[in-house]
């Protein structure tokens, strides 16, 4: 680390979570950030470095990294949720989402590389098998809820097949795209924290964005600005289908994180709530 930055004062521990530990390194005139990744997110250093190299205007600058271990990054400002007067400004998402969509369009050509680098595989064609694996677990749901999921399984497979037929290639999918992971510095907006990413249907990214949005009346507008790089309004139906499937698939990602949590942290993780969102899709 000292070969790349020279902290001016003591290193500050910012967060220590089961998936990674983050330090702020004060520098003369600014700061750098060091993230040590746990095995569940071991793919993040390589993925972030690759995205930064190809998309330097919308992903944080990476000074150095060690595959499977750590990242040393430049300061990217502050999360958009920390600026006044809005906690989660929909106007900023109007600027962010087309940039993110362009990144996804470009990264579709690198999907196989991301999978080889350890990024979780939630490609659309594999989601029915993931659903069956979820049903084989001891889930914290009622017998009635589990029954609804079991009855939904064949239809879920049909929905996935339909989505696969729509012609949108699987790509990198951030899977945690909310106001705490988009940073602003002056006029620059960047997407950070790729440790929850997967290779999946790109449109499913907006499940998390909309889940945290306090202005549902903005959803159609944000959907449309996101879809513009993909070809515009002709993909609205595909977007709705991808969002329904992505709501279910998000449970698969949460189960992966849950399995890597210490036993003491599992009760407060909120897995039941996420699974019930999947059950709600079965009821539609």
C-alpha atoms as a PDB file:
ATOM      1  CA  UNK A   1       0.000   0.000   0.000  1.00  0.00           C
ATOM      2  CA  UNK A   2       2.800   2.447   0.865  1.00  0.00           C
ATOM      3  CA  UNK A   3       4.080   2.116  -2.685  1.00  0.00           C
ATOM      4  CA  UNK A   4       0.942   3.867  -3.934  1.00  0.00           C
ATOM      5  CA  UNK A   5      -0.182   6.352  -1.259  1.00  0.00           C
ATOM      6  CA  UNK A   6       1.362   8.072   1.738  1.00  0.00           C
ATOM      7  CA  UNK A   7      -1.204   8.804   4.473  1.00  0.00           C
ATOM      8  CA  UNK A   8      -0.658  12.153   6.149  1.00  0.00           C
ATOM      9  CA  UNK A   9      -2.037  11.031   9.550  1.00  0.00           C
ATOM     10  CA  UNK A  10      -3.449   7.892  11.111  1.00  0.00           C
ATOM     11  CA  UNK A  11      -5.509   5.420   9.133  1.00  0.00           C
ATOM     12  CA  UNK A  12      -9.215   5.464  10.113  1.00  0.00           C
ATOM     13  CA  UNK A  13     -11.359   2.328  10.364  1.00  0.00           C
ATOM     14  CA  UNK A  14     -14.681   3.202   8.685  1.00  0.00           C
ATOM     15  CA  UNK A  15     -16.545  -0.100   8.721  1.00  0.00           C
ATOM     16  CA  UNK A  16     -15.956  -3.743   9.592  1.00  0.00           C
ATOM     17  CA  UNK A  17     -18.553  -6.132   8.197  1.00  0.00           C
ATOM     18  CA  UNK A  18     -18.603  -9.885   7.544  1.00  0.00           C
ATOM     19  CA  UNK A  19     -18.103  -9.174   3.843  1.00  0.00           C
ATOM     20  CA  UNK A  20     -15.316  -6.596   4.092  1.00  0.00           C
ATOM     21  CA  UNK A  21     -13.419  -3.988   6.087  1.00  0.00           C
ATOM     22  CA  UNK A  22     -12.950  -0.398   4.894  1.00  0.00           C
ATOM     23  CA  UNK A  23     -10.302   2.107   5.965  1.00  0.00           C
ATOM     24  CA  UNK A  24      -9.969   5.793   5.115  1.00  0.00           C
ATOM     25  CA  UNK A  25      -6.415   6.926   4.460  1.00  0.00           C
ATOM     26  CA  UNK A  26      -6.048  10.708   4.919  1.00  0.00           C
ATOM     27  CA  UNK A  27      -3.787  12.236   2.293  1.00  0.00           C
ATOM     28  CA  UNK A  28      -2.490  15.729   1.802  1.00  0.00           C
ATOM     29  CA  UNK A  29      -5.375  17.437   0.077  1.00  0.00           C
ATOM     30  CA  UNK A  30      -7.715  14.447   0.138  1.00  0.00           C
ATOM     31  CA  UNK A  31      -8.048  10.771   0.997  1.00  0.00           C
ATOM     32  CA  UNK A  32      -7.774   7.251  -0.349  1.00  0.00           C
ATOM     33  CA  UNK A  33      -9.786   4.184   0.610  1.00  0.00           C
ATOM     34  CA  UNK A  34      -8.620   0.668   1.345  1.00  0.00           C
ATOM     35  CA  UNK A  35     -11.065  -2.242   1.303  1.00  0.00           C
ATOM     36  CA  UNK A  36     -10.153  -5.750   2.462  1.00  0.00           C
ATOM     37  CA  UNK A  37     -12.658  -8.215   1.027  1.00  0.00           C
ATOM     38  CA  UNK A  38     -13.810 -11.386   2.732  1.00  0.00           C
ATOM     39  CA  UNK A  39     -14.163 -14.627   0.710  1.00  0.00           C
ATOM     40  CA  UNK A  40     -17.859 -14.054  -0.038  1.00  0.00           C
ATOM     41  CA  UNK A  41     -16.854 -10.963  -2.042  1.00  0.00           C
ATOM     42  CA  UNK A  42     -13.392 -12.068  -3.128  1.00  0.00           C
ATOM     43  CA  UNK A  43     -14.231 -11.252  -6.749  1.00  0.00           C
ATOM     44  CA  UNK A  44     -14.712  -7.538  -5.990  1.00  0.00           C
ATOM     45  CA  UNK A  45     -11.092  -6.298  -6.328  1.00  0.00           C
ATOM     46  CA  UNK A  46     -10.619  -7.701  -9.796  1.00  0.00           C
ATOM     47  CA  UNK A  47     -14.106  -6.710 -10.955  1.00  0.00           C
ATOM     48  CA  UNK A  48     -13.759  -3.137  -9.702  1.00  0.00           C
ATOM     49  CA  UNK A  49     -10.321  -2.750 -11.253  1.00  0.00           C
ATOM     50  CA  UNK A  50     -11.564  -4.048 -14.619  1.00  0.00           C
ATOM     51  CA  UNK A  51     -14.611  -1.784 -14.600  1.00  0.00           C
ATOM     52  CA  UNK A  52     -12.488   1.181 -13.543  1.00  0.00           C
ATOM     53  CA  UNK A  53     -10.085   0.597 -16.408  1.00  0.00           C
ATOM     54  CA  UNK A  54     -12.884   0.478 -18.979  1.00  0.00           C
ATOM     55  CA  UNK A  55     -15.236   3.041 -17.409  1.00  0.00           C
ATOM     56  CA  UNK A  56     -13.071   5.567 -15.529  1.00  0.00           C
ATOM     57  CA  UNK A  57     -15.762   8.239 -15.722  1.00  0.00           C
ATOM     58  CA  UNK A  58     -18.366   6.184 -13.828  1.00  0.00           C
ATOM     59  CA  UNK A  59     -16.438   3.799 -11.528  1.00  0.00           C
ATOM     60  CA  UNK A  60     -13.982   4.783  -8.817  1.00  0.00           C
ATOM     61  CA  UNK A  61     -10.287   5.097  -9.707  1.00  0.00           C
ATOM     62  CA  UNK A  62      -8.317   2.066  -8.518  1.00  0.00           C
ATOM     63  CA  UNK A  63      -4.718   2.722  -7.475  1.00  0.00           C
ATOM     64  CA  UNK A  64      -3.910  -0.929  -6.852  1.00  0.00           C
ATOM     65  CA  UNK A  65      -5.539  -4.241  -6.024  1.00  0.00           C
ATOM     66  CA  UNK A  66      -4.759  -7.859  -5.240  1.00  0.00           C
ATOM     67  CA  UNK A  67      -7.202 -10.348  -6.741  1.00  0.00           C
ATOM     68  CA  UNK A  68      -9.342 -11.956  -4.085  1.00  0.00           C
ATOM     69  CA  UNK A  69      -8.005  -9.769  -1.300  1.00  0.00           C
ATOM     70  CA  UNK A  70      -8.044  -5.967  -1.378  1.00  0.00           C
ATOM     71  CA  UNK A  71      -8.609  -2.702  -3.220  1.00  0.00           C
ATOM     72  CA  UNK A  72      -6.906   0.684  -2.900  1.00  0.00           C
ATOM     73  CA  UNK A  73      -9.128   3.388  -4.359  1.00  0.00           C
ATOM     74  CA  UNK A  74      -9.205   7.122  -4.899  1.00  0.00           C
ATOM     75  CA  UNK A  75     -11.760   9.246  -3.107  1.00  0.00           C
ATOM     76  CA  UNK A  76     -15.019   9.492  -5.075  1.00  0.00           C
ATOM     77  CA  UNK A  77     -16.777  12.095  -2.953  1.00  0.00           C
ATOM     78  CA  UNK A  78     -19.833  11.249  -0.874  1.00  0.00           C
ATOM     79  CA  UNK A  79     -22.925   9.071  -1.376  1.00  0.00           C
ATOM     80  CA  UNK A  80     -25.770  10.929  -3.061  1.00  0.00           C
ATOM     81  CA  UNK A  81     -27.957  10.062  -0.082  1.00  0.00           C
ATOM     82  CA  UNK A  82     -25.794  12.202   2.191  1.00  0.00           C
ATOM     83  CA  UNK A  83     -26.443  15.494   0.382  1.00  0.00           C
ATOM     84  CA  UNK A  84     -29.153  17.895   1.484  1.00  0.00           C
ATOM     85  CA  UNK A  85     -32.002  18.457   1.021  1.00  0.00           C
ATOM     86  CA  UNK A  86     -32.914  14.966  -0.257  1.00  0.00           C
ATOM     87  CA  UNK A  87     -32.155  11.622   1.307  1.00  0.00           C
ATOM     88  CA  UNK A  88     -32.511   9.841  -2.043  1.00  0.00           C
ATOM     89  CA  UNK A  89     -32.816  12.408  -4.839  1.00  0.00           C
ATOM     90  CA  UNK A  90     -34.676  11.000  -7.852  1.00  0.00           C
ATOM     91  CA  UNK A  91     -33.245  13.784 -10.031  1.00  0.00           C
ATOM     92  CA  UNK A  92     -29.760  12.367  -9.552  1.00  0.00           C
ATOM     93  CA  UNK A  93     -30.932   8.900 -10.595  1.00  0.00           C
ATOM     94  CA  UNK A  94     -32.129  10.471 -13.818  1.00  0.00           C
ATOM     95  CA  UNK A  95     -28.475  11.278 -14.548  1.00  0.00           C
ATOM     96  CA  UNK A  96     -26.968   8.064 -13.127  1.00  0.00           C
ATOM     97  CA  UNK A  97     -29.107   5.412 -14.776  1.00  0.00           C
ATOM     98  CA  UNK A  98     -28.239   6.085 -18.444  1.00  0.00           C
ATOM     99  CA  UNK A  99     -24.535   6.013 -17.554  1.00  0.00           C
ATOM    100  CA  UNK A 100     -24.988   2.748 -15.714  1.00  0.00           C
ATOM    101  CA  UNK A 101     -26.989   1.276 -18.615  1.00  0.00           C
ATOM    102  CA  UNK A 102     -24.193   2.155 -21.047  1.00  0.00           C
ATOM    103  CA  UNK A 103     -21.716   0.373 -18.784  1.00  0.00           C
ATOM    104  CA  UNK A 104     -23.904  -2.726 -18.750  1.00  0.00           C
ATOM    105  CA  UNK A 105     -24.264  -2.672 -22.522  1.00  0.00           C
ATOM    106  CA  UNK A 106     -20.500  -2.597 -22.902  1.00  0.00           C
ATOM    107  CA  UNK A 107     -19.842  -5.194 -20.228  1.00  0.00           C
ATOM    108  CA  UNK A 108     -22.058  -7.839 -21.837  1.00  0.00           C
ATOM    109  CA  UNK A 109     -19.051  -8.717 -24.006  1.00  0.00           C
ATOM    110  CA  UNK A 110     -17.043  -9.411 -20.832  1.00  0.00           C
ATOM    111  CA  UNK A 111     -19.630 -11.560 -19.028  1.00  0.00           C
ATOM    112  CA  UNK A 112     -17.608 -14.759 -19.451  1.00  0.00           C
ATOM    113  CA  UNK A 113     -14.525 -13.032 -18.052  1.00  0.00           C
ATOM    114  CA  UNK A 114     -16.470 -11.873 -15.015  1.00  0.00           C
ATOM    115  CA  UNK A 115     -17.760 -15.385 -14.378  1.00  0.00           C
ATOM    116  CA  UNK A 116     -14.235 -16.772 -14.691  1.00  0.00           C
ATOM    117  CA  UNK A 117     -13.131 -14.168 -12.138  1.00  0.00           C
ATOM    118  CA  UNK A 118     -15.616 -15.475  -9.574  1.00  0.00           C
ATOM    119  CA  UNK A 119     -18.552 -13.095 -10.037  1.00  0.00           C
ATOM    120  CA  UNK A 120     -21.703 -15.022  -8.985  1.00  0.00           C
ATOM    121  CA  UNK A 121     -23.569 -16.663 -11.834  1.00  0.00           C
ATOM    122  CA  UNK A 122     -27.216 -15.642 -11.889  1.00  0.00           C
ATOM    123  CA  UNK A 123     -27.651 -15.775 -15.644  1.00  0.00           C
ATOM    124  CA  UNK A 124     -31.285 -15.863 -16.647  1.00  0.00           C
ATOM    125  CA  UNK A 125     -31.091 -19.427 -17.962  1.00  0.00           C
ATOM    126  CA  UNK A 126     -29.798 -20.638 -14.593  1.00  0.00           C
ATOM    127  CA  UNK A 127     -32.414 -18.978 -12.399  1.00  0.00           C
ATOM    128  CA  UNK A 128     -34.940 -21.860 -12.428  1.00  0.00           C
ATOM    129  CA  UNK A 129     -32.247 -24.186 -11.034  1.00  0.00           C
ATOM    130  CA  UNK A 130     -31.426 -21.568  -8.394  1.00  0.00           C
ATOM    131  CA  UNK A 131     -35.114 -21.458  -7.497  1.00  0.00           C
ATOM    132  CA  UNK A 132     -35.185 -25.213  -7.000  1.00  0.00           C
ATOM    133  CA  UNK A 133     -32.054 -25.025  -4.851  1.00  0.00           C
ATOM    134  CA  UNK A 134     -33.763 -22.385  -2.713  1.00  0.00           C
ATOM    135  CA  UNK A 135     -36.827 -24.610  -2.275  1.00  0.00           C
ATOM    136  CA  UNK A 136     -34.593 -27.464  -1.091  1.00  0.00           C
ATOM    137  CA  UNK A 137     -33.432 -25.360   1.861  1.00  0.00           C
ATOM    138  CA  UNK A 138     -34.946 -24.951   5.304  1.00  0.00           C
ATOM    139  CA  UNK A 139     -36.426 -21.511   4.691  1.00  0.00           C
ATOM    140  CA  UNK A 140     -37.674 -19.203   7.474  1.00  0.00           C
ATOM    141  CA  UNK A 141     -41.177 -19.081   5.993  1.00  0.00           C
ATOM    142  CA  UNK A 142     -44.534 -20.571   6.869  1.00  0.00           C
ATOM    143  CA  UNK A 143     -45.647 -23.819   5.263  1.00  0.00           C
ATOM    144  CA  UNK A 144     -48.244 -21.865   3.301  1.00  0.00           C
ATOM    145  CA  UNK A 145     -45.645 -19.480   1.908  1.00  0.00           C
ATOM    146  CA  UNK A 146     -43.361 -22.344   0.932  1.00  0.00           C
ATOM    147  CA  UNK A 147     -46.298 -24.043  -0.747  1.00  0.00           C
ATOM    148  CA  UNK A 148     -46.973 -20.934  -2.830  1.00  0.00           C
ATOM    149  CA  UNK A 149     -43.340 -20.868  -3.921  1.00  0.00           C
ATOM    150  CA  UNK A 150     -43.456 -24.547  -4.893  1.00  0.00           C
ATOM    151  CA  UNK A 151     -46.561 -24.011  -7.000  1.00  0.00           C
ATOM    152  CA  UNK A 152     -44.902 -20.991  -8.627  1.00  0.00           C
ATOM    153  CA  UNK A 153     -41.758 -22.911  -9.669  1.00  0.00           C
ATOM    154  CA  UNK A 154     -42.991 -24.111 -13.096  1.00  0.00           C
ATOM    155  CA  UNK A 155     -44.324 -20.667 -13.988  1.00  0.00           C
ATOM    156  CA  UNK A 156     -41.100 -19.034 -12.807  1.00  0.00           C
ATOM    157  CA  UNK A 157     -39.193 -21.271 -15.240  1.00  0.00           C
ATOM    158  CA  UNK A 158     -41.564 -20.196 -18.018  1.00  0.00           C
ATOM    159  CA  UNK A 159     -41.030 -16.528 -17.166  1.00  0.00           C
ATOM    160  CA  UNK A 160     -37.261 -16.973 -17.268  1.00  0.00           C
ATOM    161  CA  UNK A 161     -37.464 -18.675 -20.653  1.00  0.00           C
ATOM    162  CA  UNK A 162     -39.589 -15.814 -21.938  1.00  0.00           C
ATOM    163  CA  UNK A 163     -37.117 -13.239 -20.616  1.00  0.00           C
ATOM    164  CA  UNK A 164     -34.207 -15.093 -22.240  1.00  0.00           C
ATOM    165  CA  UNK A 165     -36.031 -14.945 -25.576  1.00  0.00           C
ATOM    166  CA  UNK A 166     -36.294 -11.142 -25.509  1.00  0.00           C
ATOM    167  CA  UNK A 167     -32.763 -10.579 -26.872  1.00  0.00           C
ATOM    168  CA  UNK A 168     -31.111  -8.679 -23.995  1.00  0.00           C
ATOM    169  CA  UNK A 169     -27.818 -10.328 -23.081  1.00  0.00           C
ATOM    170  CA  UNK A 170     -26.889 -11.021 -19.473  1.00  0.00           C
ATOM    171  CA  UNK A 171     -24.257  -8.619 -18.187  1.00  0.00           C
ATOM    172  CA  UNK A 172     -22.817  -7.271 -14.977  1.00  0.00           C
ATOM    173  CA  UNK A 173     -25.592  -6.447 -12.543  1.00  0.00           C
ATOM    174  CA  UNK A 174     -24.641  -4.382  -9.480  1.00  0.00           C
ATOM    175  CA  UNK A 175     -27.501  -5.859  -7.381  1.00  0.00           C
ATOM    176  CA  UNK A 176     -27.134  -3.192  -4.680  1.00  0.00           C
ATOM    177  CA  UNK A 177     -27.745  -0.051  -6.711  1.00  0.00           C
ATOM    178  CA  UNK A 178     -29.101   2.440  -4.197  1.00  0.00           C
ATOM    179  CA  UNK A 179     -28.279   5.884  -2.828  1.00  0.00           C
ATOM    180  CA  UNK A 180     -25.469   4.654  -0.550  1.00  0.00           C
ATOM    181  CA  UNK A 181     -23.507   3.199  -3.474  1.00  0.00           C
ATOM    182  CA  UNK A 182     -23.629   6.081  -5.938  1.00  0.00           C
ATOM    183  CA  UNK A 183     -21.105   8.801  -5.128  1.00  0.00           C
ATOM    184  CA  UNK A 184     -20.857  12.394  -6.273  1.00  0.00           C
ATOM    185  CA  UNK A 185     -17.802  14.609  -6.389  1.00  0.00           C
ATOM    186  CA  UNK A 186     -18.461  18.003  -7.950  1.00  0.00           C
ATOM    187  CA  UNK A 187     -20.361  17.041 -11.126  1.00  0.00           C
ATOM    188  CA  UNK A 188     -19.050  13.471 -11.350  1.00  0.00           C
ATOM    189  CA  UNK A 189     -21.301  10.546 -10.465  1.00  0.00           C
ATOM    190  CA  UNK A 190     -19.801   7.103  -9.907  1.00  0.00           C
ATOM    191  CA  UNK A 191     -21.084   3.674  -8.917  1.00  0.00           C
ATOM    192  CA  UNK A 192     -19.099   2.056  -6.090  1.00  0.00           C
ATOM    193  CA  UNK A 193     -19.208  -1.101  -3.961  1.00  0.00           C
ATOM    194  CA  UNK A 194     -19.484  -3.905  -6.515  1.00  0.00           C
ATOM    195  CA  UNK A 195     -19.236  -6.689  -3.916  1.00  0.00           C
ATOM    196  CA  UNK A 196     -22.881  -7.763  -4.371  1.00  0.00           C
ATOM    197  CA  UNK A 197     -22.637  -7.869  -8.157  1.00  0.00           C
ATOM    198  CA  UNK A 198     -23.555 -10.842 -10.307  1.00  0.00           C
ATOM    199  CA  UNK A 199     -23.842 -11.734 -13.965  1.00  0.00           C
ATOM    200  CA  UNK A 200     -27.555 -11.673 -14.657  1.00  0.00           C
ATOM    201  CA  UNK A 201     -30.234  -9.864 -16.600  1.00  0.00           C
ATOM    202  CA  UNK A 202     -29.146  -6.213 -16.528  1.00  0.00           C
ATOM    203  CA  UNK A 203     -32.640  -4.766 -16.074  1.00  0.00           C
ATOM    204  CA  UNK A 204     -32.959  -6.477 -12.671  1.00  0.00           C
ATOM    205  CA  UNK A 205     -30.564  -3.871 -11.284  1.00  0.00           C
ATOM    206  CA  UNK A 206     -33.406  -1.462 -10.700  1.00  0.00           C
ATOM    207  CA  UNK A 207     -35.101  -3.731  -8.170  1.00  0.00           C
ATOM    208  CA  UNK A 208     -32.843  -2.314  -5.444  1.00  0.00           C
ATOM    209  CA  UNK A 209     -32.987   1.208  -6.868  1.00  0.00           C
ATOM    210  CA  UNK A 210     -36.780   1.275  -6.762  1.00  0.00           C
ATOM    211  CA  UNK A 211     -36.946  -0.530  -3.417  1.00  0.00           C
ATOM    212  CA  UNK A 212     -35.111   2.385  -1.795  1.00  0.00           C
ATOM    213  CA  UNK A 213     -36.811   5.146  -3.779  1.00  0.00           C
ATOM    214  CA  UNK A 214     -39.193   7.258  -1.709  1.00  0.00           C
ATOM    215  CA  UNK A 215     -40.848   8.729  -4.798  1.00  0.00           C
ATOM    216  CA  UNK A 216     -42.680   5.919  -6.643  1.00  0.00           C
ATOM    217  CA  UNK A 217     -44.181   8.465  -9.033  1.00  0.00           C
ATOM    218  CA  UNK A 218     -40.675   8.784 -10.492  1.00  0.00           C
ATOM    219  CA  UNK A 219     -40.385   5.089 -11.372  1.00  0.00           C
ATOM    220  CA  UNK A 220     -41.822   5.299 -14.929  1.00  0.00           C
ATOM    221  CA  UNK A 221     -39.571   8.240 -15.753  1.00  0.00           C
ATOM    222  CA  UNK A 222     -36.469   6.564 -14.342  1.00  0.00           C
ATOM    223  CA  UNK A 223     -37.343   3.321 -16.114  1.00  0.00           C
ATOM    224  CA  UNK A 224     -37.510   5.177 -19.410  1.00  0.00           C
ATOM    225  CA  UNK A 225     -34.214   7.056 -19.020  1.00  0.00           C
ATOM    226  CA  UNK A 226     -32.550   3.777 -18.073  1.00  0.00           C
ATOM    227  CA  UNK A 227     -34.012   2.024 -21.120  1.00  0.00           C
ATOM    228  CA  UNK A 228     -33.006   4.747 -23.568  1.00  0.00           C
ATOM    229  CA  UNK A 229     -29.493   3.322 -24.223  1.00  0.00           C
ATOM    230  CA  UNK A 230     -31.066  -0.107 -24.776  1.00  0.00           C
ATOM    231  CA  UNK A 231     -33.458   1.121 -27.445  1.00  0.00           C
ATOM    232  CA  UNK A 232     -36.122   2.956 -25.490  1.00  0.00           C
ATOM    233  CA  UNK A 233     -39.769   2.293 -24.741  1.00  0.00           C
ATOM    234  CA  UNK A 234     -40.031  -0.880 -26.825  1.00  0.00           C
ATOM    235  CA  UNK A 235     -38.365  -2.672 -23.896  1.00  0.00           C
ATOM    236  CA  UNK A 236     -40.873  -1.590 -21.242  1.00  0.00           C
ATOM    237  CA  UNK A 237     -42.595  -4.975 -21.124  1.00  0.00           C
ATOM    238  CA  UNK A 238     -39.235  -6.747 -20.915  1.00  0.00           C
ATOM    239  CA  UNK A 239     -38.225  -4.405 -18.111  1.00  0.00           C
ATOM    240  CA  UNK A 240     -41.352  -5.297 -16.128  1.00  0.00           C
ATOM    241  CA  UNK A 241     -40.720  -8.999 -16.635  1.00  0.00           C
ATOM    242  CA  UNK A 242     -37.062  -8.660 -15.633  1.00  0.00           C
ATOM    243  CA  UNK A 243     -38.020  -6.732 -12.506  1.00  0.00           C
ATOM    244  CA  UNK A 244     -40.482  -9.438 -11.450  1.00  0.00           C
ATOM    245  CA  UNK A 245     -37.893 -12.174 -11.992  1.00  0.00           C
ATOM    246  CA  UNK A 246     -35.171 -10.037 -10.401  1.00  0.00           C
ATOM    247  CA  UNK A 247     -37.251  -9.610  -7.261  1.00  0.00           C
ATOM    248  CA  UNK A 248     -37.200 -13.392  -6.843  1.00  0.00           C
ATOM    249  CA  UNK A 249     -33.545 -13.726  -7.869  1.00  0.00           C
ATOM    250  CA  UNK A 250     -32.527 -11.190  -5.246  1.00  0.00           C
ATOM    251  CA  UNK A 251     -33.404 -13.828  -2.644  1.00  0.00           C
ATOM    252  CA  UNK A 252     -30.808 -16.147  -4.180  1.00  0.00           C
ATOM    253  CA  UNK A 253     -28.165 -13.469  -3.676  1.00  0.00           C
ATOM    254  CA  UNK A 254     -29.298 -12.845  -0.093  1.00  0.00           C
ATOM    255  CA  UNK A 255     -29.106 -16.559   0.695  1.00  0.00           C
ATOM    256  CA  UNK A 256     -25.513 -16.566  -0.516  1.00  0.00           C
ATOM    257  CA  UNK A 257     -24.666 -13.694   1.828  1.00  0.00           C
ATOM    258  CA  UNK A 258     -26.649 -15.292   4.659  1.00  0.00           C
ATOM    259  CA  UNK A 259     -24.643 -18.507   4.368  1.00  0.00           C
ATOM    260  CA  UNK A 260     -21.439 -16.544   4.865  1.00  0.00           C
ATOM    261  CA  UNK A 261     -22.582 -14.597   7.929  1.00  0.00           C
ATOM    262  CA  UNK A 262     -21.519 -15.512  11.444  1.00  0.00           C
ATOM    263  CA  UNK A 263     -24.362 -17.212  13.292  1.00  0.00           C
ATOM    264  CA  UNK A 264     -24.668 -14.191  15.592  1.00  0.00           C
ATOM    265  CA  UNK A 265     -25.447 -11.864  12.650  1.00  0.00           C
ATOM    266  CA  UNK A 266     -28.075 -13.951  10.902  1.00  0.00           C
ATOM    267  CA  UNK A 267     -31.097 -13.000  12.989  1.00  0.00           C
ATOM    268  CA  UNK A 268     -30.872  -9.329  12.044  1.00  0.00           C
ATOM    269  CA  UNK A 269     -30.071  -9.850   8.368  1.00  0.00           C
ATOM    270  CA  UNK A 270     -33.665  -9.555   7.173  1.00  0.00           C
ATOM    271  CA  UNK A 271     -33.750 -12.718   5.071  1.00  0.00           C
ATOM    272  CA  UNK A 272     -37.410 -13.416   5.879  1.00  0.00           C
ATOM    273  CA  UNK A 273     -38.490 -10.057   4.490  1.00  0.00           C
ATOM    274  CA  UNK A 274     -36.620 -10.586   1.234  1.00  0.00           C
ATOM    275  CA  UNK A 275     -38.054 -14.081   0.819  1.00  0.00           C
ATOM    276  CA  UNK A 276     -41.560 -12.713   1.330  1.00  0.00           C
ATOM    277  CA  UNK A 277     -41.009 -10.330  -1.581  1.00  0.00           C
ATOM    278  CA  UNK A 278     -40.365 -13.444  -3.660  1.00  0.00           C
ATOM    279  CA  UNK A 279     -43.550 -15.016  -2.315  1.00  0.00           C
ATOM    280  CA  UNK A 280     -45.453 -11.893  -3.377  1.00  0.00           C
ATOM    281  CA  UNK A 281     -44.293 -12.447  -6.960  1.00  0.00           C
ATOM    282  CA  UNK A 282     -45.692 -15.978  -6.778  1.00  0.00           C
ATOM    283  CA  UNK A 283     -49.066 -14.509  -5.868  1.00  0.00           C
ATOM    284  CA  UNK A 284     -49.285 -12.161  -8.860  1.00  0.00           C
END
